[in-house]
Amino acid sequence: MEVGQKVRLVRVPPYVKTADAMPMLRSSAFLEVGQEGFILDRRPGNYWAVRFKQGAFLIDGGDLEAAD
């Protein structure tokens, strides 16, 4: 995966962390499997900052797949 790539959620974790300068832990009830977003950047520990319509969140690389 690379920055700018379109990705799809294959598994929704119970909680997600926002990709803000001051991150917050939130329930992921608003995300759903199959939802698509764009990679903003790579973070340590195989986490990716992904922009969805609800905002930007840190998502584990194992929960994502390429959408195109």
PDB file of N, CA and C in Angstrom:
ATOM      1  N   MET A   1       0.841  -1.179   0.000  1.00  0.00           N
ATOM      2  CA  MET A   1       0.000   0.000   0.000  1.00  0.00           C
ATOM      3  C   MET A   1       0.886   1.242   0.000  1.00  0.00           C
ATOM      4  N   GLU A   2       0.337   2.322  -0.518  1.00  0.00           N
ATOM      5  CA  GLU A   2       1.092   3.569  -0.569  1.00  0.00           C
ATOM      6  C   GLU A   2       0.161   4.764  -0.344  1.00  0.00           C
ATOM      7  N   VAL A   3       0.751   5.888  -0.007  1.00  0.00           N
ATOM      8  CA  VAL A   3      -0.012   7.106   0.265  1.00  0.00           C
ATOM      9  C   VAL A   3      -0.808   7.497  -0.979  1.00  0.00           C
ATOM     10  N   GLY A   4      -2.080   7.850  -0.783  1.00  0.00           N
ATOM     11  CA  GLY A   4      -2.962   8.243  -1.864  1.00  0.00           C
ATOM     12  C   GLY A   4      -3.778   7.108  -2.450  1.00  0.00           C
ATOM     13  N   GLN A   5      -3.434   5.873  -2.086  1.00  0.00           N
ATOM     14  CA  GLN A   5      -4.137   4.704  -2.625  1.00  0.00           C
ATOM     15  C   GLN A   5      -5.525   4.573  -2.008  1.00  0.00           C
ATOM     16  N   LYS A   6      -6.479   4.111  -2.804  1.00  0.00           N
ATOM     17  CA  LYS A   6      -7.840   3.861  -2.328  1.00  0.00           C
ATOM     18  C   LYS A   6      -7.861   2.475  -1.695  1.00  0.00           C
ATOM     19  N   VAL A   7      -8.394   2.385  -0.466  1.00  0.00           N
ATOM     20  CA  VAL A   7      -8.437   1.114   0.265  1.00  0.00           C
ATOM     21  C   VAL A   7      -9.851   0.839   0.769  1.00  0.00           C
ATOM     22  N   ARG A   8     -10.083  -0.416   1.143  1.00  0.00           N
ATOM     23  CA  ARG A   8     -11.394  -0.867   1.622  1.00  0.00           C
ATOM     24  C   ARG A   8     -11.196  -1.591   2.950  1.00  0.00           C
ATOM     25  N   LEU A   9     -12.133  -1.397   3.877  1.00  0.00           N
ATOM     26  CA  LEU A   9     -12.103  -2.099   5.163  1.00  0.00           C
ATOM     27  C   LEU A   9     -12.576  -3.546   4.972  1.00  0.00           C
ATOM     28  N   VAL A  10     -11.783  -4.493   5.463  1.00  0.00           N
ATOM     29  CA  VAL A  10     -12.197  -5.896   5.399  1.00  0.00           C
ATOM     30  C   VAL A  10     -12.636  -6.401   6.764  1.00  0.00           C
ATOM     31  N   ARG A  11     -12.266  -5.670   7.823  1.00  0.00           N
ATOM     32  CA  ARG A  11     -12.665  -5.998   9.186  1.00  0.00           C
ATOM     33  C   ARG A  11     -12.707  -4.700   9.972  1.00  0.00           C
ATOM     34  N   VAL A  12     -13.738  -4.532  10.766  1.00  0.00           N
ATOM     35  CA  VAL A  12     -13.870  -3.318  11.578  1.00  0.00           C
ATOM     36  C   VAL A  12     -13.434  -3.630  13.004  1.00  0.00           C
ATOM     37  N   PRO A  13     -12.397  -2.932  13.499  1.00  0.00           N
ATOM     38  CA  PRO A  13     -11.977  -3.142  14.886  1.00  0.00           C
ATOM     39  C   PRO A  13     -13.019  -2.563  15.849  1.00  0.00           C
ATOM     40  N   PRO A  14     -13.044  -3.009  17.105  1.00  0.00           N
ATOM     41  CA  PRO A  14     -14.043  -2.487  18.052  1.00  0.00           C
ATOM     42  C   PRO A  14     -13.861  -0.998  18.356  1.00  0.00           C
ATOM     43  N   TYR A  15     -12.614  -0.530  18.319  1.00  0.00           N
ATOM     44  CA  TYR A  15     -12.311   0.884  18.567  1.00  0.00           C
ATOM     45  C   TYR A  15     -11.291   1.357  17.547  1.00  0.00           C
ATOM     46  N   VAL A  16     -11.346   2.635  17.202  1.00  0.00           N
ATOM     47  CA  VAL A  16     -10.362   3.243  16.312  1.00  0.00           C
ATOM     48  C   VAL A  16      -9.813   4.501  16.967  1.00  0.00           C
ATOM     49  N   LYS A  17      -8.596   4.858  16.578  1.00  0.00           N
ATOM     50  CA  LYS A  17      -7.971   6.074  17.072  1.00  0.00           C
ATOM     51  C   LYS A  17      -7.988   7.094  15.947  1.00  0.00           C
ATOM     52  N   THR A  18      -8.338   8.333  16.263  1.00  0.00           N
ATOM     53  CA  THR A  18      -8.346   9.371  15.237  1.00  0.00           C
ATOM     54  C   THR A  18      -6.905   9.654  14.813  1.00  0.00           C
ATOM     55  N   ALA A  19      -6.731  10.138  13.592  1.00  0.00           N
ATOM     56  CA  ALA A  19      -5.398  10.437  13.062  1.00  0.00           C
ATOM     57  C   ALA A  19      -5.067  11.915  13.221  1.00  0.00           C
ATOM     58  N   ASP A  20      -5.592  12.536  14.258  1.00  0.00           N
ATOM     59  CA  ASP A  20      -5.350  13.955  14.529  1.00  0.00           C
ATOM     60  C   ASP A  20      -4.029  14.140  15.262  1.00  0.00           C
ATOM     61  N   ALA A  21      -3.610  15.402  15.399  1.00  0.00           N
ATOM     62  CA  ALA A  21      -2.391  15.710  16.148  1.00  0.00           C
ATOM     63  C   ALA A  21      -2.523  15.264  17.605  1.00  0.00           C
ATOM     64  N   MET A  22      -3.735  15.345  18.136  1.00  0.00           N
ATOM     65  CA  MET A  22      -4.019  14.854  19.481  1.00  0.00           C
ATOM     66  C   MET A  22      -5.078  13.761  19.332  1.00  0.00           C
ATOM     67  N   PRO A  23      -4.651  12.490  19.108  1.00  0.00           N
ATOM     68  CA  PRO A  23      -5.601  11.410  18.807  1.00  0.00           C
ATOM     69  C   PRO A  23      -6.525  11.071  19.966  1.00  0.00           C
ATOM     70  N   MET A  24      -7.734  10.624  19.604  1.00  0.00           N
ATOM     71  CA  MET A  24      -8.719  10.175  20.590  1.00  0.00           C
ATOM     72  C   MET A  24      -9.179   8.780  20.197  1.00  0.00           C
ATOM     73  N   LEU A  25      -9.460   7.954  21.170  1.00  0.00           N
ATOM     74  CA  LEU A  25      -9.998   6.623  20.938  1.00  0.00           C
ATOM     75  C   LEU A  25     -11.510   6.728  20.847  1.00  0.00           C
ATOM     76  N   ARG A  26     -12.091   6.154  19.771  1.00  0.00           N
ATOM     77  CA  ARG A  26     -13.535   6.221  19.558  1.00  0.00           C
ATOM     78  C   ARG A  26     -14.086   4.843  19.229  1.00  0.00           C
ATOM     79  N   SER A  27     -15.341   4.658  19.496  1.00  0.00           N
ATOM     80  CA  SER A  27     -16.029   3.445  19.072  1.00  0.00           C
ATOM     81  C   SER A  27     -16.074   3.443  17.549  1.00  0.00           C
ATOM     82  N   SER A  28     -15.999   2.275  16.945  1.00  0.00           N
ATOM     83  CA  SER A  28     -16.012   2.200  15.483  1.00  0.00           C
ATOM     84  C   SER A  28     -17.395   1.845  14.946  1.00  0.00           C
ATOM     85  N   ALA A  29     -18.441   2.069  15.722  1.00  0.00           N
ATOM     86  CA  ALA A  29     -19.807   1.716  15.320  1.00  0.00           C
ATOM     87  C   ALA A  29     -20.234   2.398  14.022  1.00  0.00           C
ATOM     88  N   PHE A  30     -19.620   3.502  13.665  1.00  0.00           N
ATOM     89  CA  PHE A  30     -19.983   4.237  12.464  1.00  0.00           C
ATOM     90  C   PHE A  30     -19.281   3.718  11.209  1.00  0.00           C
ATOM     91  N   LEU A  31     -18.283   2.848  11.367  1.00  0.00           N
ATOM     92  CA  LEU A  31     -17.592   2.243  10.228  1.00  0.00           C
ATOM     93  C   LEU A  31     -18.229   0.906   9.895  1.00  0.00           C
ATOM     94  N   GLU A  32     -18.123   0.488   8.634  1.00  0.00           N
ATOM     95  CA  GLU A  32     -18.682  -0.799   8.231  1.00  0.00           C
ATOM     96  C   GLU A  32     -17.751  -1.489   7.235  1.00  0.00           C
ATOM     97  N   VAL A  33     -17.804  -2.798   7.201  1.00  0.00           N
ATOM     98  CA  VAL A  33     -16.999  -3.587   6.275  1.00  0.00           C
ATOM     99  C   VAL A  33     -17.356  -3.175   4.853  1.00  0.00           C
ATOM    100  N   GLY A  34     -16.337  -2.999   4.029  1.00  0.00           N
ATOM    101  CA  GLY A  34     -16.536  -2.601   2.647  1.00  0.00           C
ATOM    102  C   GLY A  34     -16.438  -1.112   2.416  1.00  0.00           C
ATOM    103  N   GLN A  35     -16.379  -0.334   3.486  1.00  0.00           N
ATOM    104  CA  GLN A  35     -16.269   1.115   3.348  1.00  0.00           C
ATOM    105  C   GLN A  35     -14.905   1.465   2.756  1.00  0.00           C
ATOM    106  N   GLU A  36     -14.874   2.459   1.856  1.00  0.00           N
ATOM    107  CA  GLU A  36     -13.642   2.836   1.182  1.00  0.00           C
ATOM    108  C   GLU A  36     -13.136   4.191   1.654  1.00  0.00           C
ATOM    109  N   GLY A  37     -11.808   4.343   1.605  1.00  0.00           N
ATOM    110  CA  GLY A  37     -11.162   5.585   1.984  1.00  0.00           C
ATOM    111  C   GLY A  37      -9.827   5.698   1.277  1.00  0.00           C
ATOM    112  N   PHE A  38      -9.069   6.761   1.583  1.00  0.00           N
ATOM    113  CA  PHE A  38      -7.777   7.000   0.969  1.00  0.00           C
ATOM    114  C   PHE A  38      -6.691   7.063   2.036  1.00  0.00           C
ATOM    115  N   ILE A  39      -5.542   6.464   1.748  1.00  0.00           N
ATOM    116  CA  ILE A  39      -4.421   6.470   2.686  1.00  0.00           C
ATOM    117  C   ILE A  39      -3.797   7.859   2.718  1.00  0.00           C
ATOM    118  N   LEU A  40      -3.651   8.399   3.934  1.00  0.00           N
ATOM    119  CA  LEU A  40      -3.020   9.695   4.129  1.00  0.00           C
ATOM    120  C   LEU A  40      -1.532   9.550   4.412  1.00  0.00           C
ATOM    121  N   ASP A  41      -1.167   8.603   5.287  1.00  0.00           N
ATOM    122  CA  ASP A  41       0.240   8.319   5.563  1.00  0.00           C
ATOM    123  C   ASP A  41       0.405   7.017   6.334  1.00  0.00           C
ATOM    124  N   ARG A  42       1.663   6.596   6.462  1.00  0.00           N
ATOM    125  CA  ARG A  42       2.013   5.360   7.164  1.00  0.00           C
ATOM    126  C   ARG A  42       2.431   5.716   8.579  1.00  0.00           C
ATOM    127  N   ARG A  43       2.024   4.912   9.548  1.00  0.00           N
ATOM    128  CA  ARG A  43       2.394   5.114  10.953  1.00  0.00           C
ATOM    129  C   ARG A  43       3.126   3.872  11.455  1.00  0.00           C
ATOM    130  N   PRO A  44       3.880   3.974  12.528  1.00  0.00           N
ATOM    131  CA  PRO A  44       4.605   2.816  13.059  1.00  0.00           C
ATOM    132  C   PRO A  44       3.670   1.670  13.450  1.00  0.00           C
ATOM    133  N   GLY A  45       4.180   0.450  13.379  1.00  0.00           N
ATOM    134  CA  GLY A  45       3.423  -0.723  13.813  1.00  0.00           C
ATOM    135  C   GLY A  45       2.402  -1.201  12.805  1.00  0.00           C
ATOM    136  N   ASN A  46       2.634  -0.982  11.509  1.00  0.00           N
ATOM    137  CA  ASN A  46       1.728  -1.402  10.445  1.00  0.00           C
ATOM    138  C   ASN A  46       0.357  -0.726  10.528  1.00  0.00           C
ATOM    139  N   TYR A  47       0.330   0.498  10.999  1.00  0.00           N
ATOM    140  CA  TYR A  47      -0.907   1.285  11.020  1.00  0.00           C
ATOM    141  C   TYR A  47      -0.859   2.317   9.911  1.00  0.00           C
ATOM    142  N   TRP A  48      -2.026   2.599   9.360  1.00  0.00           N
ATOM    143  CA  TRP A  48      -2.165   3.559   8.273  1.00  0.00           C
ATOM    144  C   TRP A  48      -3.198   4.604   8.663  1.00  0.00           C
ATOM    145  N   ALA A  49      -2.908   5.861   8.355  1.00  0.00           N
ATOM    146  CA  ALA A  49      -3.884   6.928   8.538  1.00  0.00           C
ATOM    147  C   ALA A  49      -4.756   6.924   7.287  1.00  0.00           C
ATOM    148  N   VAL A  50      -6.046   6.678   7.470  1.00  0.00           N
ATOM    149  CA  VAL A  50      -6.973   6.559   6.337  1.00  0.00           C
ATOM    150  C   VAL A  50      -8.086   7.584   6.489  1.00  0.00           C
ATOM    151  N   ARG A  51      -8.383   8.297   5.390  1.00  0.00           N
ATOM    152  CA  ARG A  51      -9.458   9.289   5.373  1.00  0.00           C
ATOM    153  C   ARG A  51     -10.732   8.622   4.856  1.00  0.00           C
ATOM    154  N   PHE A  52     -11.724   8.520   5.741  1.00  0.00           N
ATOM    155  CA  PHE A  52     -13.063   8.059   5.382  1.00  0.00           C
ATOM    156  C   PHE A  52     -13.982   9.270   5.363  1.00  0.00           C
ATOM    157  N   LYS A  53     -15.235   9.092   4.956  1.00  0.00           N
ATOM    158  CA  LYS A  53     -16.156  10.236   4.931  1.00  0.00           C
ATOM    159  C   LYS A  53     -16.420  10.777   6.334  1.00  0.00           C
ATOM    160  N   GLN A  54     -16.256   9.936   7.389  1.00  0.00           N
ATOM    161  CA  GLN A  54     -16.493  10.370   8.767  1.00  0.00           C
ATOM    162  C   GLN A  54     -15.273  11.031   9.399  1.00  0.00           C
ATOM    163  N   GLY A  55     -14.113  10.973   8.735  1.00  0.00           N
ATOM    164  CA  GLY A  55     -12.895  11.557   9.274  1.00  0.00           C
ATOM    165  C   GLY A  55     -11.697  10.672   8.998  1.00  0.00           C
ATOM    166  N   ALA A  56     -10.553  11.026   9.586  1.00  0.00           N
ATOM    167  CA  ALA A  56      -9.311  10.277   9.400  1.00  0.00           C
ATOM    168  C   ALA A  56      -9.022   9.445  10.649  1.00  0.00           C
ATOM    169  N   PHE A  57      -8.696   8.171  10.430  1.00  0.00           N
ATOM    170  CA  PHE A  57      -8.480   7.243  11.535  1.00  0.00           C
ATOM    171  C   PHE A  57      -7.265   6.363  11.282  1.00  0.00           C
ATOM    172  N   LEU A  58      -6.653   5.872  12.367  1.00  0.00           N
ATOM    173  CA  LEU A  58      -5.539   4.943  12.264  1.00  0.00           C
ATOM    174  C   LEU A  58      -6.101   3.536  12.185  1.00  0.00           C
ATOM    175  N   ILE A  59      -5.783   2.829  11.106  1.00  0.00           N
ATOM    176  CA  ILE A  59      -6.311   1.497  10.853  1.00  0.00           C
ATOM    177  C   ILE A  59      -5.154   0.531  10.655  1.00  0.00           C
ATOM    178  N   ASP A  60      -5.233  -0.637  11.280  1.00  0.00           N
ATOM    179  CA  ASP A  60      -4.221  -1.677  11.123  1.00  0.00           C
ATOM    180  C   ASP A  60      -4.196  -2.137   9.668  1.00  0.00           C
ATOM    181  N   GLY A  61      -3.002  -2.369   9.135  1.00  0.00           N
ATOM    182  CA  GLY A  61      -2.855  -2.812   7.750  1.00  0.00           C
ATOM    183  C   GLY A  61      -3.563  -4.122   7.448  1.00  0.00           C
ATOM    184  N   GLY A  62      -3.734  -4.992   8.450  1.00  0.00           N
ATOM    185  CA  GLY A  62      -4.436  -6.260   8.250  1.00  0.00           C
ATOM    186  C   GLY A  62      -5.927  -6.094   8.076  1.00  0.00           C
ATOM    187  N   ASP A  63      -6.461  -4.915   8.406  1.00  0.00           N
ATOM    188  CA  ASP A  63      -7.888  -4.636   8.274  1.00  0.00           C
ATOM    189  C   ASP A  63      -8.227  -3.953   6.947  1.00  0.00           C
ATOM    190  N   LEU A  64      -7.202  -3.757   6.094  1.00  0.00           N
ATOM    191  CA  LEU A  64      -7.382  -3.040   4.832  1.00  0.00           C
ATOM    192  C   LEU A  64      -7.004  -3.902   3.637  1.00  0.00           C
ATOM    193  N   GLU A  65      -7.612  -3.587   2.491  1.00  0.00           N
ATOM    194  CA  GLU A  65      -7.195  -4.178   1.217  1.00  0.00           C
ATOM    195  C   GLU A  65      -7.286  -3.093   0.157  1.00  0.00           C
ATOM    196  N   ALA A  66      -6.543  -3.264  -0.933  1.00  0.00           N
ATOM    197  CA  ALA A  66      -6.599  -2.309  -2.030  1.00  0.00           C
ATOM    198  C   ALA A  66      -7.983  -2.333  -2.663  1.00  0.00           C
ATOM    199  N   ALA A  67      -8.523  -1.161  -2.989  1.00  0.00           N
ATOM    200  CA  ALA A  67      -9.877  -1.074  -3.545  1.00  0.00           C
ATOM    201  C   ALA A  67      -9.881  -1.110  -5.070  1.00  0.00           C
ATOM    202  N   ASP A  68      -8.743  -0.841  -5.700  1.00  0.00           N
ATOM    203  CA  ASP A  68      -8.729  -0.855  -7.164  1.00  0.00           C
ATOM    204  C   ASP A  68      -7.845  -1.897  -7.747  1.00  0.00           C
TER     205      ASP A  68
END
